[in-house]
Each structure stands twice: as C-alpha cells, then as structure tokens.
C-alpha cells in the first residue's frame, strides 16, 4: 500500500522534494520520479504500479511524486480506487 503521492505544478520544486525525500531513512520512493500511472486512460493494472515499489522495505513509508496529477479531475477517484483495493481506509 502506498502512503503518499506528491503532486504540484511545473517548476514548483517537486524534483528537489523528491531528491530530499530519497535521503530520509523512513521513506522509500519509487525509483523513478513521475510514474504517470494515474493520468493515463489505460486499464488499471495495479500490479504494474506496485512493481515501482518492490525495492521498498515494508517498514518504510512508500510514496511517489507525479506533479501533473494536480491537473486531472479524475485522478483523486483513481487514487481512491487504488487505495480501496489495497486495503486503505477512507
């Protein structure tokens, strides 16, 4: 289960945030910044998304940063659906 997703605008410091969070021992980020999983119109194959976090220790918070998520109205619902299928609360 993912713990957080970072979003923002272009040139708002998300790369700096990503690089900083990579140095925090309690956090494990996706190996790639800007996965763009939730902003595509393809079928939701969550196993392909979860593969971005296989390297993460289960004791750490897991997250990713894809800034453009802020611009899509349907992204919150897609993230909610993901969380519900992965045992997340409301």
PDB file of N, CA and C in Angstrom:
ATOM      1  N   UNK A   1       0.846  -1.188   0.000  1.00  0.00           N
ATOM      2  CA  UNK A   1       0.000   0.000   0.000  1.00  0.00           C
ATOM      3  C   UNK A   1       0.878   1.233   0.000  1.00  0.00           C
ATOM      4  N   UNK A   2       0.536   2.168  -0.823  1.00  0.00           N
ATOM      5  CA  UNK A   2       1.234   3.444  -0.918  1.00  0.00           C
ATOM      6  C   UNK A   2       0.779   4.358   0.213  1.00  0.00           C
ATOM      7  N   UNK A   3       1.704   5.119   0.777  1.00  0.00           N
ATOM      8  CA  UNK A   3       1.376   6.026   1.876  1.00  0.00           C
ATOM      9  C   UNK A   3       1.106   7.454   1.419  1.00  0.00           C
ATOM     10  N   UNK A   4       1.777   7.875   0.347  1.00  0.00           N
ATOM     11  CA  UNK A   4       1.556   9.248  -0.116  1.00  0.00           C
ATOM     12  C   UNK A   4       1.920   9.396  -1.591  1.00  0.00           C
ATOM     13  N   UNK A   5       1.320  10.411  -2.211  1.00  0.00           N
ATOM     14  CA  UNK A   5       1.630  10.801  -3.583  1.00  0.00           C
ATOM     15  C   UNK A   5       1.831  12.308  -3.579  1.00  0.00           C
ATOM     16  N   UNK A   6       2.952  12.732  -4.109  1.00  0.00           N
ATOM     17  CA  UNK A   6       3.236  14.161  -4.219  1.00  0.00           C
ATOM     18  C   UNK A   6       2.804  14.668  -5.577  1.00  0.00           C
ATOM     19  N   UNK A   7       2.219  15.846  -5.590  1.00  0.00           N
ATOM     20  CA  UNK A   7       1.832  16.486  -6.844  1.00  0.00           C
ATOM     21  C   UNK A   7       2.129  17.968  -6.757  1.00  0.00           C
ATOM     22  N   UNK A   8       2.030  18.648  -7.856  1.00  0.00           N
ATOM     23  CA  UNK A   8       2.346  20.073  -7.848  1.00  0.00           C
ATOM     24  C   UNK A   8       2.323  20.633  -9.248  1.00  0.00           C
ATOM     25  N   UNK A   9       2.944  21.757  -9.417  1.00  0.00           N
ATOM     26  CA  UNK A   9       3.000  22.434 -10.707  1.00  0.00           C
ATOM     27  C   UNK A   9       4.423  22.367 -11.249  1.00  0.00           C
ATOM     28  N   UNK A  10       4.553  22.647 -12.537  1.00  0.00           N
ATOM     29  CA  UNK A  10       5.888  22.703 -13.119  1.00  0.00           C
ATOM     30  C   UNK A  10       6.702  23.782 -12.429  1.00  0.00           C
ATOM     31  N   UNK A  11       7.960  23.476 -12.224  1.00  0.00           N
ATOM     32  CA  UNK A  11       8.910  24.414 -11.621  1.00  0.00           C
ATOM     33  C   UNK A  11       8.518  24.832 -10.208  1.00  0.00           C
ATOM     34  N   UNK A  12       7.854  23.917  -9.477  1.00  0.00           N
ATOM     35  CA  UNK A  12       7.436  24.248  -8.104  1.00  0.00           C
ATOM     36  C   UNK A  12       8.297  23.561  -7.048  1.00  0.00           C
ATOM     37  N   UNK A  13       9.351  22.869  -7.466  1.00  0.00           N
ATOM     38  CA  UNK A  13      10.262  22.261  -6.509  1.00  0.00           C
ATOM     39  C   UNK A  13      10.025  20.796  -6.243  1.00  0.00           C
ATOM     40  N   UNK A  14       9.239  20.123  -7.069  1.00  0.00           N
ATOM     41  CA  UNK A  14       8.959  18.717  -6.803  1.00  0.00           C
ATOM     42  C   UNK A  14      10.194  17.835  -7.002  1.00  0.00           C
ATOM     43  N   UNK A  15      11.083  18.202  -7.903  1.00  0.00           N
ATOM     44  CA  UNK A  15      12.310  17.419  -8.077  1.00  0.00           C
ATOM     45  C   UNK A  15      13.193  17.562  -6.848  1.00  0.00           C
ATOM     46  N   UNK A  16      13.308  18.758  -6.326  1.00  0.00           N
ATOM     47  CA  UNK A  16      14.072  18.974  -5.098  1.00  0.00           C
ATOM     48  C   UNK A  16      13.452  18.191  -3.947  1.00  0.00           C
ATOM     49  N   UNK A  17      12.133  18.213  -3.844  1.00  0.00           N
ATOM     50  CA  UNK A  17      11.436  17.451  -2.807  1.00  0.00           C
ATOM     51  C   UNK A  17      11.717  15.956  -2.960  1.00  0.00           C
ATOM     52  N   UNK A  18      11.630  15.451  -4.175  1.00  0.00           N
ATOM     53  CA  UNK A  18      11.901  14.038  -4.448  1.00  0.00           C
ATOM     54  C   UNK A  18      13.317  13.676  -4.023  1.00  0.00           C
ATOM     55  N   UNK A  19      14.280  14.478  -4.417  1.00  0.00           N
ATOM     56  CA  UNK A  19      15.682  14.200  -4.069  1.00  0.00           C
ATOM     57  C   UNK A  19      15.901  14.249  -2.555  1.00  0.00           C
ATOM     58  N   UNK A  20      15.244  15.181  -1.884  1.00  0.00           N
ATOM     59  CA  UNK A  20      15.375  15.265  -0.429  1.00  0.00           C
ATOM     60  C   UNK A  20      14.734  14.049   0.250  1.00  0.00           C
ATOM     61  N   UNK A  21      13.534  13.695  -0.153  1.00  0.00           N
ATOM     62  CA  UNK A  21      12.840  12.577   0.476  1.00  0.00           C
ATOM     63  C   UNK A  21      13.582  11.260   0.282  1.00  0.00           C
ATOM     64  N   UNK A  22      14.341  11.138  -0.807  1.00  0.00           N
ATOM     65  CA  UNK A  22      15.136   9.932  -1.028  1.00  0.00           C
ATOM     66  C   UNK A  22      16.198   9.750   0.051  1.00  0.00           C
ATOM     67  N   UNK A  23      16.569  10.820   0.735  1.00  0.00           N
ATOM     68  CA  UNK A  23      17.608  10.738   1.768  1.00  0.00           C
ATOM     69  C   UNK A  23      17.034  10.434   3.157  1.00  0.00           C
ATOM     70  N   UNK A  24      15.725  10.424   3.295  1.00  0.00           N
ATOM     71  CA  UNK A  24      15.088  10.182   4.585  1.00  0.00           C
ATOM     72  C   UNK A  24      14.972   8.670   4.806  1.00  0.00           C
ATOM     73  N   UNK A  25      15.555   8.196   5.888  1.00  0.00           N
ATOM     74  CA  UNK A  25      15.610   6.751   6.150  1.00  0.00           C
ATOM     75  C   UNK A  25      14.243   6.091   6.271  1.00  0.00           C
ATOM     76  N   UNK A  26      13.257   6.794   6.755  1.00  0.00           N
ATOM     77  CA  UNK A  26      11.935   6.209   6.992  1.00  0.00           C
ATOM     78  C   UNK A  26      11.051   6.190   5.744  1.00  0.00           C
ATOM     79  N   UNK A  27      11.571   6.711   4.629  1.00  0.00           N
ATOM     80  CA  UNK A  27      10.771   6.839   3.401  1.00  0.00           C
ATOM     81  C   UNK A  27      11.430   6.073   2.267  1.00  0.00           C
ATOM     82  N   UNK A  28      10.615   5.412   1.467  1.00  0.00           N
ATOM     83  CA  UNK A  28      11.071   4.756   0.250  1.00  0.00           C
ATOM     84  C   UNK A  28      10.243   5.290  -0.913  1.00  0.00           C
ATOM     85  N   UNK A  29      10.911   5.898  -1.866  1.00  0.00           N
ATOM     86  CA  UNK A  29      10.228   6.443  -3.038  1.00  0.00           C
ATOM     87  C   UNK A  29      10.359   5.497  -4.221  1.00  0.00           C
ATOM     88  N   UNK A  30       9.456   5.674  -5.169  1.00  0.00           N
ATOM     89  CA  UNK A  30       9.580   4.940  -6.422  1.00  0.00           C
ATOM     90  C   UNK A  30      10.952   5.265  -7.016  1.00  0.00           C
ATOM     91  N   UNK A  31      11.541   4.280  -7.673  1.00  0.00           N
ATOM     92  CA  UNK A  31      12.870   4.502  -8.253  1.00  0.00           C
ATOM     93  C   UNK A  31      12.831   5.580  -9.318  1.00  0.00           C
ATOM     94  N   UNK A  32      11.682   5.779  -9.886  1.00  0.00           N
ATOM     95  CA  UNK A  32      11.506   6.763 -10.954  1.00  0.00           C
ATOM     96  C   UNK A  32      10.559   7.854 -10.482  1.00  0.00           C
ATOM     97  N   UNK A  33      10.948   9.110 -10.629  1.00  0.00           N
ATOM     98  CA  UNK A  33      10.022  10.212 -10.339  1.00  0.00           C
ATOM     99  C   UNK A  33       9.076  10.324 -11.533  1.00  0.00           C
ATOM    100  N   UNK A  34       7.866  10.720 -11.268  1.00  0.00           N
ATOM    101  CA  UNK A  34       6.841  10.914 -12.303  1.00  0.00           C
ATOM    102  C   UNK A  34       6.506   9.618 -13.030  1.00  0.00           C
ATOM    103  N   UNK A  35       5.846   8.739 -12.333  1.00  0.00           N
ATOM    104  CA  UNK A  35       5.423   7.458 -12.903  1.00  0.00           C
ATOM    105  C   UNK A  35       4.308   7.649 -13.935  1.00  0.00           C
ATOM    106  N   UNK A  36       3.420   8.600 -13.712  1.00  0.00           N
ATOM    107  CA  UNK A  36       2.288   8.886 -14.617  1.00  0.00           C
ATOM    108  C   UNK A  36       1.331   7.716 -14.729  1.00  0.00           C
ATOM    109  N   UNK A  37       1.181   6.957 -13.673  1.00  0.00           N
ATOM    110  CA  UNK A  37       0.279   5.806 -13.709  1.00  0.00           C
ATOM    111  C   UNK A  37      -1.181   6.236 -13.729  1.00  0.00           C
ATOM    112  N   UNK A  38      -1.558   7.181 -12.903  1.00  0.00           N
ATOM    113  CA  UNK A  38      -2.967   7.536 -12.756  1.00  0.00           C
ATOM    114  C   UNK A  38      -3.463   8.546 -13.787  1.00  0.00           C
ATOM    115  N   UNK A  39      -2.576   9.115 -14.592  1.00  0.00           N
ATOM    116  CA  UNK A  39      -3.039  10.090 -15.584  1.00  0.00           C
ATOM    117  C   UNK A  39      -3.145   9.498 -16.987  1.00  0.00           C
ATOM    118  N   UNK A  40      -3.110   8.187 -17.089  1.00  0.00           N
ATOM    119  CA  UNK A  40      -3.336   7.542 -18.378  1.00  0.00           C
ATOM    120  C   UNK A  40      -4.735   6.949 -18.396  1.00  0.00           C
ATOM    121  N   UNK A  41      -5.258   6.729 -19.574  1.00  0.00           N
ATOM    122  CA  UNK A  41      -6.606   6.191 -19.727  1.00  0.00           C
ATOM    123  C   UNK A  41      -6.620   4.679 -19.924  1.00  0.00           C
ATOM    124  N   UNK A  42      -5.518   4.027 -19.618  1.00  0.00           N
ATOM    125  CA  UNK A  42      -5.446   2.583 -19.824  1.00  0.00           C
ATOM    126  C   UNK A  42      -6.136   1.840 -18.680  1.00  0.00           C
ATOM    127  N   UNK A  43      -6.322   0.574 -18.879  1.00  0.00           N
ATOM    128  CA  UNK A  43      -6.909  -0.287 -17.854  1.00  0.00           C
ATOM    129  C   UNK A  43      -6.024  -0.274 -16.610  1.00  0.00           C
ATOM    130  N   UNK A  44      -6.616  -0.282 -15.450  1.00  0.00           N
ATOM    131  CA  UNK A  44      -5.875  -0.250 -14.186  1.00  0.00           C
ATOM    132  C   UNK A  44      -5.289  -1.619 -13.868  1.00  0.00           C
ATOM    133  N   UNK A  45      -4.018  -1.786 -14.110  1.00  0.00           N
ATOM    134  CA  UNK A  45      -3.297  -2.991 -13.716  1.00  0.00           C
ATOM    135  C   UNK A  45      -2.401  -2.594 -12.558  1.00  0.00           C
ATOM    136  N   UNK A  46      -2.926  -2.733 -11.347  1.00  0.00           N
ATOM    137  CA  UNK A  46      -2.203  -2.256 -10.174  1.00  0.00           C
ATOM    138  C   UNK A  46      -0.910  -3.031  -9.925  1.00  0.00           C
ATOM    139  N   UNK A  47      -0.813  -4.249 -10.441  1.00  0.00           N
ATOM    140  CA  UNK A  47       0.440  -4.979 -10.245  1.00  0.00           C
ATOM    141  C   UNK A  47       1.586  -4.281 -10.967  1.00  0.00           C
ATOM    142  N   UNK A  48       1.307  -3.669 -12.099  1.00  0.00           N
ATOM    143  CA  UNK A  48       2.373  -2.939 -12.798  1.00  0.00           C
ATOM    144  C   UNK A  48       2.768  -1.686 -12.013  1.00  0.00           C
ATOM    145  N   UNK A  49       1.825  -1.064 -11.329  1.00  0.00           N
ATOM    146  CA  UNK A  49       2.134   0.109 -10.495  1.00  0.00           C
ATOM    147  C   UNK A  49       2.920  -0.316  -9.260  1.00  0.00           C
ATOM    148  N   UNK A  50       2.497  -1.391  -8.635  1.00  0.00           N
ATOM    149  CA  UNK A  50       3.157  -1.869  -7.418  1.00  0.00           C
ATOM    150  C   UNK A  50       4.611  -2.268  -7.663  1.00  0.00           C
ATOM    151  N   UNK A  51       4.947  -2.618  -8.892  1.00  0.00           N
ATOM    152  CA  UNK A  51       6.327  -3.001  -9.208  1.00  0.00           C
ATOM    153  C   UNK A  51       7.310  -1.849  -8.991  1.00  0.00           C
ATOM    154  N   UNK A  52       6.818  -0.624  -9.025  1.00  0.00           N
ATOM    155  CA  UNK A  52       7.690   0.531  -8.785  1.00  0.00           C
ATOM    156  C   UNK A  52       8.165   0.604  -7.332  1.00  0.00           C
ATOM    157  N   UNK A  53       7.579  -0.229  -6.472  1.00  0.00           N
ATOM    158  CA  UNK A  53       7.879  -0.169  -5.043  1.00  0.00           C
ATOM    159  C   UNK A  53       8.382  -1.506  -4.477  1.00  0.00           C
ATOM    160  N   UNK A  54       8.717  -2.444  -5.334  1.00  0.00           N
ATOM    161  CA  UNK A  54       9.185  -3.751  -4.866  1.00  0.00           C
ATOM    162  C   UNK A  54      10.480  -3.652  -4.063  1.00  0.00           C
ATOM    163  N   UNK A  55      11.282  -2.648  -4.336  1.00  0.00           N
ATOM    164  CA  UNK A  55      12.556  -2.476  -3.628  1.00  0.00           C
ATOM    165  C   UNK A  55      12.372  -1.908  -2.217  1.00  0.00           C
ATOM    166  N   UNK A  56      11.166  -1.508  -1.885  1.00  0.00           N
ATOM    167  CA  UNK A  56      10.910  -0.847  -0.602  1.00  0.00           C
ATOM    168  C   UNK A  56      10.740  -1.846   0.536  1.00  0.00           C
ATOM    169  N   UNK A  57      11.377  -1.539   1.630  1.00  0.00           N
ATOM    170  CA  UNK A  57      11.219  -2.288   2.870  1.00  0.00           C
ATOM    171  C   UNK A  57       9.820  -1.992   3.406  1.00  0.00           C
ATOM    172  N   UNK A  58       9.120  -3.006   3.852  1.00  0.00           N
ATOM    173  CA  UNK A  58       7.739  -2.832   4.325  1.00  0.00           C
ATOM    174  C   UNK A  58       7.623  -1.944   5.557  1.00  0.00           C
ATOM    175  N   UNK A  59       8.719  -1.702   6.255  1.00  0.00           N
ATOM    176  CA  UNK A  59       8.659  -0.860   7.446  1.00  0.00           C
ATOM    177  C   UNK A  59       8.728   0.627   7.107  1.00  0.00           C
ATOM    178  N   UNK A  60       9.003   0.950   5.849  1.00  0.00           N
ATOM    179  CA  UNK A  60       9.135   2.350   5.448  1.00  0.00           C
ATOM    180  C   UNK A  60       7.865   2.865   4.784  1.00  0.00           C
ATOM    181  N   UNK A  61       7.664   4.170   4.886  1.00  0.00           N
ATOM    182  CA  UNK A  61       6.573   4.814   4.154  1.00  0.00           C
ATOM    183  C   UNK A  61       6.929   4.797   2.672  1.00  0.00           C
ATOM    184  N   UNK A  62       5.948   4.479   1.835  1.00  0.00           N
ATOM    185  CA  UNK A  62       6.181   4.429   0.398  1.00  0.00           C
ATOM    186  C   UNK A  62       5.442   5.585  -0.276  1.00  0.00           C
ATOM    187  N   UNK A  63       6.104   6.180  -1.249  1.00  0.00           N
ATOM    188  CA  UNK A  63       5.462   7.277  -1.961  1.00  0.00           C
ATOM    189  C   UNK A  63       6.050   7.498  -3.333  1.00  0.00           C
ATOM    190  N   UNK A  64       5.377   8.335  -4.065  1.00  0.00           N
ATOM    191  CA  UNK A  64       5.840   8.742  -5.394  1.00  0.00           C
ATOM    192  C   UNK A  64       5.441  10.179  -5.640  1.00  0.00           C
ATOM    193  N   UNK A  65       6.086  10.790  -6.613  1.00  0.00           N
ATOM    194  CA  UNK A  65       5.777  12.172  -6.964  1.00  0.00           C
ATOM    195  C   UNK A  65       5.553  12.266  -8.466  1.00  0.00           C
ATOM    196  N   UNK A  66       4.345  12.613  -8.843  1.00  0.00           N
ATOM    197  CA  UNK A  66       3.996  12.897 -10.234  1.00  0.00           C
ATOM    198  C   UNK A  66       3.210  14.206 -10.229  1.00  0.00           C
ATOM    199  N   UNK A  67       3.893  15.338 -10.456  1.00  0.00           N
ATOM    200  CA  UNK A  67       3.270  16.650 -10.289  1.00  0.00           C
ATOM    201  C   UNK A  67       2.002  16.884 -11.104  1.00  0.00           C
ATOM    202  N   UNK A  68       1.924  16.352 -12.330  1.00  0.00           N
ATOM    203  CA  UNK A  68       0.779  16.672 -13.183  1.00  0.00           C
ATOM    204  C   UNK A  68      -0.537  16.109 -12.687  1.00  0.00           C
ATOM    205  N   UNK A  69      -0.499  15.205 -11.707  1.00  0.00           N
ATOM    206  CA  UNK A  69      -1.758  14.670 -11.169  1.00  0.00           C
ATOM    207  C   UNK A  69      -2.688  15.789 -10.705  1.00  0.00           C
ATOM    208  N   UNK A  70      -2.130  16.923 -10.355  1.00  0.00           N
ATOM    209  CA  UNK A  70      -2.943  18.038  -9.854  1.00  0.00           C
ATOM    210  C   UNK A  70      -3.889  18.596 -10.927  1.00  0.00           C
ATOM    211  N   UNK A  71      -3.600  18.341 -12.191  1.00  0.00           N
ATOM    212  CA  UNK A  71      -4.359  18.942 -13.285  1.00  0.00           C
ATOM    213  C   UNK A  71      -5.514  18.081 -13.795  1.00  0.00           C
ATOM    214  N   UNK A  72      -5.697  16.893 -13.267  1.00  0.00           N
ATOM    215  CA  UNK A  72      -6.723  15.987 -13.774  1.00  0.00           C
ATOM    216  C   UNK A  72      -7.812  15.770 -12.727  1.00  0.00           C
ATOM    217  N   UNK A  73      -9.048  16.052 -13.105  1.00  0.00           N
ATOM    218  CA  UNK A  73     -10.179  15.934 -12.179  1.00  0.00           C
ATOM    219  C   UNK A  73     -10.464  14.503 -11.745  1.00  0.00           C
ATOM    220  N   UNK A  74     -10.113  13.522 -12.575  1.00  0.00           N
ATOM    221  CA  UNK A  74     -10.448  12.136 -12.249  1.00  0.00           C
ATOM    222  C   UNK A  74      -9.363  11.429 -11.431  1.00  0.00           C
ATOM    223  N   UNK A  75      -8.226  12.054 -11.240  1.00  0.00           N
ATOM    224  CA  UNK A  75      -7.120  11.412 -10.507  1.00  0.00           C
ATOM    225  C   UNK A  75      -7.484  11.104  -9.051  1.00  0.00           C
ATOM    226  N   UNK A  76      -8.122  11.996  -8.296  1.00  0.00           N
ATOM    227  CA  UNK A  76      -8.457  11.631  -6.915  1.00  0.00           C
ATOM    228  C   UNK A  76      -9.286  10.339  -6.824  1.00  0.00           C
ATOM    229  N   UNK A  77     -10.226  10.166  -7.728  1.00  0.00           N
ATOM    230  CA  UNK A  77     -11.043   8.940  -7.720  1.00  0.00           C
ATOM    231  C   UNK A  77     -10.192   7.726  -8.049  1.00  0.00           C
ATOM    232  N   UNK A  78      -9.291   7.862  -9.011  1.00  0.00           N
ATOM    233  CA  UNK A  78      -8.418   6.731  -9.373  1.00  0.00           C
ATOM    234  C   UNK A  78      -7.512   6.344  -8.204  1.00  0.00           C
ATOM    235  N   UNK A  79      -6.983   7.323  -7.505  1.00  0.00           N
ATOM    236  CA  UNK A  79      -6.126   7.044  -6.354  1.00  0.00           C
ATOM    237  C   UNK A  79      -6.952   6.418  -5.231  1.00  0.00           C
ATOM    238  N   UNK A  80      -8.155   6.916  -5.027  1.00  0.00           N
ATOM    239  CA  UNK A  80      -9.056   6.350  -4.027  1.00  0.00           C
ATOM    240  C   UNK A  80      -9.354   4.884  -4.344  1.00  0.00           C
ATOM    241  N   UNK A  81      -9.663   4.602  -5.615  1.00  0.00           N
ATOM    242  CA  UNK A  81      -9.946   3.225  -6.023  1.00  0.00           C
ATOM    243  C   UNK A  81      -8.743   2.326  -5.761  1.00  0.00           C
ATOM    244  N   UNK A  82      -7.555   2.816  -6.062  1.00  0.00           N
ATOM    245  CA  UNK A  82      -6.332   2.059  -5.782  1.00  0.00           C
ATOM    246  C   UNK A  82      -6.219   1.767  -4.294  1.00  0.00           C
ATOM    247  N   UNK A  83      -6.420   2.790  -3.485  1.00  0.00           N
ATOM    248  CA  UNK A  83      -6.301   2.624  -2.020  1.00  0.00           C
ATOM    249  C   UNK A  83      -7.326   1.620  -1.500  1.00  0.00           C
ATOM    250  N   UNK A  84      -8.534   1.660  -2.002  1.00  0.00           N
ATOM    251  CA  UNK A  84      -9.575   0.728  -1.559  1.00  0.00           C
ATOM    252  C   UNK A  84      -9.212  -0.713  -1.914  1.00  0.00           C
ATOM    253  N   UNK A  85      -8.622  -0.917  -3.071  1.00  0.00           N
ATOM    254  CA  UNK A  85      -8.246  -2.274  -3.477  1.00  0.00           C
ATOM    255  C   UNK A  85      -7.001  -2.766  -2.759  1.00  0.00           C
ATOM    256  N   UNK A  86      -6.287  -1.854  -2.114  1.00  0.00           N
ATOM    257  CA  UNK A  86      -5.072  -2.230  -1.392  1.00  0.00           C
ATOM    258  C   UNK A  86      -5.254  -2.109   0.118  1.00  0.00           C
ATOM    259  N   UNK A  87      -6.481  -2.130   0.563  1.00  0.00           N
ATOM    260  CA  UNK A  87      -6.748  -2.153   1.991  1.00  0.00           C
ATOM    261  C   UNK A  87      -6.654  -0.814   2.673  1.00  0.00           C
ATOM    262  N   UNK A  88      -6.675   0.268   1.901  1.00  0.00           N
ATOM    263  CA  UNK A  88      -6.609   1.593   2.506  1.00  0.00           C
ATOM    264  C   UNK A  88      -7.941   2.014   3.103  1.00  0.00           C
ATOM    265  N   UNK A  89      -7.886   2.869   4.071  1.00  0.00           N
ATOM    266  CA  UNK A  89      -9.100   3.383   4.705  1.00  0.00           C
ATOM    267  C   UNK A  89      -9.687   4.512   3.898  1.00  0.00           C
ATOM    268  N   UNK A  90     -10.734   5.086   4.424  1.00  0.00           N
ATOM    269  CA  UNK A  90     -11.387   6.208   3.744  1.00  0.00           C
ATOM    270  C   UNK A  90     -10.793   7.511   4.171  1.00  0.00           C
TER     271      UNK A  90
END
